[in-house]
Amino acid sequence: MRISLIGSGNVATHLGAAFKNAGHRMVQVYSRDIHNASLLAYHIGAEAIDDLNNITPETDIFIISVNDDAIIPIAQSVAKHQKLTVHTAGSIALEALASLIPTAGVFYPLQTFSKNKEVDFNTVPLCIEGADEHITSQLVELAQTVSKSVYRINSSERKTLHLAAVFACNFPNYLYGIAQQLLAENDMEFAMLRPLILETAQKVQDHLPAEVQTGPAIRNDESTMAAHLQMLNTHPELRELYNVLSQAIIKNK
């Protein structure tokens, strides 16, 4: 397919590379920052633009991969071309796009991306939704050229997935940051925790999280939890967070 990317961030970068590697023709990359557009366009063999008025209609699909609040304004700008147009957001309903463009869809990759960290895109779950069955089938076919994990997911299901992903990815990463802070305050390296983090992540590949929960809360080890809370007296916000999470684990066991 002839593909134009609207956006040059983390998701667009990995999508562009995956499409190019799968043999699709990358037509244009748009970004408000021409430097960012040019960098991605160079790597995927596309034209870089920083003005939506310069978008060419000589493409088969527009993929809008920008911040959620910019999706609709951009869609309004490209609607005149009446091309297959999708967004990649987890929390924006299909209807928001379909109300502007009849040939609308969603192409949501359920993964965390960083520009400088390679991902095996073939394993990335792609959640597909189209305004009708024909569009959905087109998008599924496109998705299958870059991933072995393709799912038909409606807007309601996708919002639930996005919420679950925040708990599974964003919150744990924040907690890693807290762990790093506590270690740094005592002149210790975060690297010491990496094997523990890896082992925890590997366990849930074969088991449900509740089956492999460990730690003082699941044991209801009150003396250890009390000692931890005392250690956090100088960090009242972390003390509160520790207590809330511990009580949730106790209640859920």
Protein backbone atom coordinates (compact mmCIF):
# COMPACT_ATOMS: atom_id res chain seq x y z
CA MET A 1 0.00 0.00 0.00
CA ARG A 2 0.95 3.66 -0.35
CA ILE A 3 1.09 4.97 3.21
CA SER A 4 1.40 8.49 4.60
CA LEU A 5 2.23 9.02 8.27
CA ILE A 6 0.82 12.03 10.05
CA GLY A 7 3.08 12.28 13.05
CA SER A 8 6.73 11.46 13.69
CA GLY A 9 6.75 10.33 17.32
CA ASN A 10 7.46 6.98 18.92
CA VAL A 11 4.50 5.09 17.46
CA ALA A 12 4.86 6.60 13.98
CA THR A 13 8.57 5.79 13.95
CA HIS A 14 8.05 2.10 14.66
CA LEU A 15 5.03 1.82 12.38
CA GLY A 16 6.90 3.47 9.53
CA ALA A 17 9.85 1.12 9.87
CA ALA A 18 7.56 -1.93 10.04
CA PHE A 19 5.61 -0.89 6.95
CA LYS A 20 8.77 -0.13 4.99
CA ASN A 21 10.32 -3.47 5.95
CA ALA A 22 7.12 -5.20 4.83
CA GLY A 23 7.47 -3.68 1.36
CA HIS A 24 4.89 -0.91 1.51
CA ARG A 25 5.60 2.44 -0.15
CA MET A 26 5.95 5.25 2.35
CA VAL A 27 4.73 8.43 0.67
CA GLN A 28 4.95 11.27 3.19
CA VAL A 29 5.69 12.01 6.83
CA TYR A 30 4.05 15.08 8.36
CA SER A 31 5.18 16.82 11.53
CA ARG A 32 4.90 20.40 12.75
CA ASP A 33 8.67 20.14 13.27
CA ILE A 34 10.26 19.64 9.84
CA HIS A 35 13.43 18.29 11.46
CA ASN A 36 11.47 15.44 13.08
CA ALA A 37 9.56 14.78 9.86
CA SER A 38 12.79 14.75 7.84
CA LEU A 39 14.55 12.36 10.20
CA LEU A 40 11.80 9.74 10.00
CA ALA A 41 11.18 10.34 6.29
CA TYR A 42 14.87 9.75 5.55
CA HIS A 43 14.83 6.36 7.25
CA ILE A 44 11.69 5.12 5.54
CA GLY A 45 12.17 6.68 2.11
CA ALA A 46 9.35 9.21 2.25
CA GLU A 47 8.87 12.93 1.67
CA ALA A 48 8.93 15.17 4.74
CA ILE A 49 6.37 17.98 5.12
CA ASP A 50 5.39 20.37 7.90
CA ASP A 51 2.27 21.84 6.32
CA LEU A 52 -0.97 19.86 6.06
CA ASN A 53 -1.82 21.81 2.91
CA ASN A 54 1.07 20.00 1.22
CA ILE A 55 -0.31 16.52 1.85
CA THR A 56 -0.66 14.62 -1.40
CA PRO A 57 -3.83 12.62 -2.06
CA GLU A 58 -1.69 10.13 -3.98
CA THR A 59 -1.77 7.67 -1.10
CA ASP A 60 -3.94 4.73 -0.07
CA ILE A 61 -4.09 5.40 3.65
CA PHE A 62 -3.40 8.22 6.11
CA ILE A 63 -2.22 7.03 9.51
CA ILE A 64 -2.73 9.71 12.16
CA SER A 65 -0.28 9.03 14.98
CA VAL A 66 -0.25 12.15 17.14
CA ASN A 67 -1.34 13.26 20.61
CA ASP A 68 -4.99 12.49 21.27
CA ASP A 69 -6.08 16.13 21.33
CA ALA A 70 -4.60 16.71 17.85
CA ILE A 71 -6.34 13.80 16.11
CA ILE A 72 -9.63 15.51 15.26
CA PRO A 73 -8.14 18.83 14.04
CA ILE A 74 -5.80 16.88 11.76
CA ALA A 75 -8.62 14.64 10.57
CA GLN A 76 -10.60 17.73 9.64
CA SER A 77 -7.69 18.87 7.48
CA VAL A 78 -7.30 15.60 5.59
CA ALA A 79 -11.01 14.74 5.33
CA LYS A 80 -11.28 16.53 1.98
CA HIS A 81 -9.12 13.83 0.38
CA GLN A 82 -11.67 11.13 1.29
CA LYS A 83 -9.00 8.49 1.74
CA LEU A 84 -8.86 5.58 4.15
CA THR A 85 -7.80 7.28 7.38
CA VAL A 86 -6.98 5.71 10.73
CA HIS A 87 -5.71 6.82 14.10
CA THR A 88 -3.46 4.84 16.45
CA ALA A 89 -4.86 6.00 19.81
CA GLY A 90 -6.04 3.67 22.54
CA SER A 91 -8.65 5.94 24.09
CA ILE A 92 -10.27 7.72 21.12
CA ALA A 93 -13.45 6.11 19.78
CA LEU A 94 -13.74 5.25 16.11
CA GLU A 95 -16.85 7.42 15.84
CA ALA A 96 -14.81 10.57 16.50
CA LEU A 97 -13.00 9.93 13.22
CA ALA A 98 -15.87 8.30 11.31
CA SER A 99 -18.04 11.37 11.87
CA LEU A 100 -15.60 13.29 9.66
CA ILE A 101 -14.36 10.62 7.26
CA PRO A 102 -16.60 7.74 6.14
CA THR A 103 -13.59 5.55 5.34
CA ALA A 104 -12.22 5.64 8.88
CA GLY A 105 -10.62 3.08 11.13
CA VAL A 106 -8.35 2.41 14.08
CA PHE A 107 -4.89 0.81 13.93
CA TYR A 108 -3.85 0.57 17.59
CA PRO A 109 -0.55 -1.13 18.49
CA LEU A 110 -0.67 -2.40 22.08
CA GLN A 111 2.95 -1.78 23.00
CA THR A 112 5.18 0.81 24.60
CA PHE A 113 7.56 2.42 22.10
CA SER A 114 10.71 4.52 22.34
CA LYS A 115 12.40 5.80 19.20
CA ASN A 116 15.82 4.44 20.08
CA LYS A 117 14.68 1.03 21.37
CA GLU A 118 14.04 -1.66 18.78
CA VAL A 119 10.88 -3.75 19.06
CA ASP A 120 10.07 -6.98 17.26
CA PHE A 121 7.00 -5.56 15.55
CA ASN A 122 5.99 -9.01 14.39
CA THR A 123 4.94 -9.77 17.99
CA VAL A 124 3.11 -6.49 18.65
CA PRO A 125 -0.66 -6.96 19.12
CA LEU A 126 -2.49 -4.78 16.59
CA CYS A 127 -6.06 -3.86 17.48
CA ILE A 128 -8.15 -3.16 14.38
CA GLU A 129 -11.53 -1.47 13.95
CA GLY A 130 -13.15 -0.16 10.80
CA ALA A 131 -16.23 1.89 9.99
CA ASP A 132 -17.60 -1.10 8.08
CA GLU A 133 -16.65 -4.70 7.35
CA HIS A 134 -14.86 -3.86 4.11
CA ILE A 135 -12.61 -1.31 5.84
CA THR A 136 -12.00 -3.65 8.74
CA SER A 137 -10.92 -6.40 6.36
CA GLN A 138 -8.58 -4.00 4.55
CA LEU A 139 -6.96 -2.97 7.82
CA VAL A 140 -6.66 -6.55 9.05
CA GLU A 141 -4.91 -7.46 5.80
CA LEU A 142 -2.54 -4.52 6.21
CA ALA A 143 -1.88 -5.38 9.85
CA GLN A 144 -1.06 -8.98 8.99
CA THR A 145 1.81 -7.81 6.79
CA VAL A 146 3.64 -6.46 9.86
CA SER A 147 2.40 -8.54 12.82
CA LYS A 148 1.33 -12.07 13.65
CA SER A 149 -0.95 -10.79 16.44
CA VAL A 150 -3.94 -9.05 14.87
CA TYR A 151 -7.24 -8.58 16.71
CA ARG A 152 -10.61 -7.12 15.79
CA ILE A 153 -11.32 -4.87 18.77
CA ASN A 154 -14.18 -2.37 19.06
CA SER A 155 -13.86 1.06 20.65
CA SER A 156 -15.23 -0.01 24.03
CA GLU A 157 -12.90 -2.99 24.23
CA ARG A 158 -9.96 -0.84 23.13
CA LYS A 159 -10.59 1.68 25.92
CA THR A 160 -10.53 -1.17 28.42
CA LEU A 161 -7.28 -2.45 26.91
CA HIS A 162 -5.79 1.03 27.16
CA LEU A 163 -6.78 1.31 30.82
CA ALA A 164 -5.36 -2.12 31.54
CA ALA A 165 -2.14 -1.14 29.75
CA VAL A 166 -1.73 1.87 32.02
CA PHE A 167 -1.86 -0.44 35.05
CA ALA A 168 0.41 -3.02 33.42
CA CYS A 169 3.00 -0.65 31.96
CA ASN A 170 2.87 3.02 32.97
CA PHE A 171 2.27 2.60 36.69
CA PRO A 172 4.92 -0.12 37.18
CA ASN A 173 7.46 2.04 35.34
CA TYR A 174 6.65 4.91 37.74
CA LEU A 175 7.20 2.52 40.64
CA TYR A 176 10.56 1.53 39.15
CA GLY A 177 11.41 5.23 39.35
CA ILE A 178 10.51 5.31 43.03
CA ALA A 179 12.72 2.28 43.64
CA GLN A 180 15.57 3.99 41.81
CA GLN A 181 15.06 7.12 43.96
CA LEU A 182 15.17 5.16 47.23
CA LEU A 183 18.33 3.36 46.17
CA ALA A 184 20.03 6.55 44.97
CA GLU A 185 19.33 8.20 48.33
CA ASN A 186 21.38 5.41 49.89
CA ASP A 187 24.14 5.33 47.26
CA MET A 188 23.02 2.12 45.61
CA GLU A 189 22.56 1.32 41.93
CA PHE A 190 19.24 0.60 40.22
CA ALA A 191 21.01 -2.15 38.23
CA MET A 192 20.77 -4.37 41.30
CA LEU A 193 17.00 -4.56 40.78
CA ARG A 194 17.00 -5.41 37.08
CA PRO A 195 17.21 -9.22 37.52
CA LEU A 196 14.29 -9.04 39.96
CA ILE A 197 12.22 -6.95 37.55
CA LEU A 198 12.99 -9.31 34.68
CA GLU A 199 12.08 -12.42 36.69
CA THR A 200 8.77 -10.84 37.77
CA ALA A 201 7.90 -9.99 34.18
CA GLN A 202 8.85 -13.48 32.98
CA LYS A 203 6.63 -15.17 35.55
CA VAL A 204 3.45 -13.60 34.19
CA GLN A 205 4.23 -14.96 30.73
CA ASP A 206 3.15 -18.38 32.03
CA HIS A 207 1.00 -17.59 35.08
CA LEU A 208 -1.72 -15.17 36.10
CA PRO A 209 -0.37 -12.31 38.24
CA ALA A 210 -2.32 -13.33 41.34
CA GLU A 211 -0.73 -16.78 41.20
CA VAL A 212 2.81 -15.44 41.51
CA GLN A 213 2.32 -12.49 43.89
CA THR A 214 5.07 -12.35 46.51
CA GLY A 215 6.16 -9.92 49.21
CA PRO A 216 5.21 -8.95 52.76
CA ALA A 217 1.63 -7.92 51.93
CA ILE A 218 0.59 -11.26 50.43
CA ARG A 219 2.11 -12.94 53.53
CA ASN A 220 0.38 -10.40 55.77
CA ASP A 221 3.78 -9.78 57.35
CA GLU A 222 2.73 -6.88 59.58
CA SER A 223 6.11 -6.36 61.24
CA THR A 224 7.95 -5.99 57.92
CA MET A 225 5.29 -3.64 56.52
CA ALA A 226 5.43 -1.54 59.70
CA ALA A 227 9.20 -1.29 59.39
CA HIS A 228 8.92 -0.24 55.75
CA LEU A 229 6.36 2.42 56.63
CA GLN A 230 8.67 3.78 59.32
CA MET A 231 11.51 3.99 56.80
CA LEU A 232 9.23 6.13 54.61
CA ASN A 233 8.46 8.72 57.32
CA THR A 234 10.48 11.30 55.39
CA HIS A 235 8.47 10.54 52.24
CA PRO A 236 4.82 10.84 53.33
CA GLU A 237 3.49 10.50 49.77
CA LEU A 238 5.43 7.25 49.28
CA ARG A 239 4.33 6.05 52.72
CA GLU A 240 0.71 6.56 51.68
CA LEU A 241 1.28 4.82 48.33
CA TYR A 242 2.99 1.85 50.03
CA ASN A 243 0.08 1.48 52.44
CA VAL A 244 -2.60 1.72 49.73
CA LEU A 245 -0.90 -0.89 47.54
CA SER A 246 -0.20 -3.22 50.47
CA GLN A 247 -3.81 -3.10 51.64
CA ALA A 248 -5.03 -3.75 48.10
CA ILE A 249 -2.82 -6.85 47.87
CA ILE A 250 -4.05 -8.10 51.26
CA LYS A 251 -7.67 -7.55 50.26
CA ASN A 252 -7.21 -9.28 46.91
CA LYS A 253 -5.47 -12.45 48.12
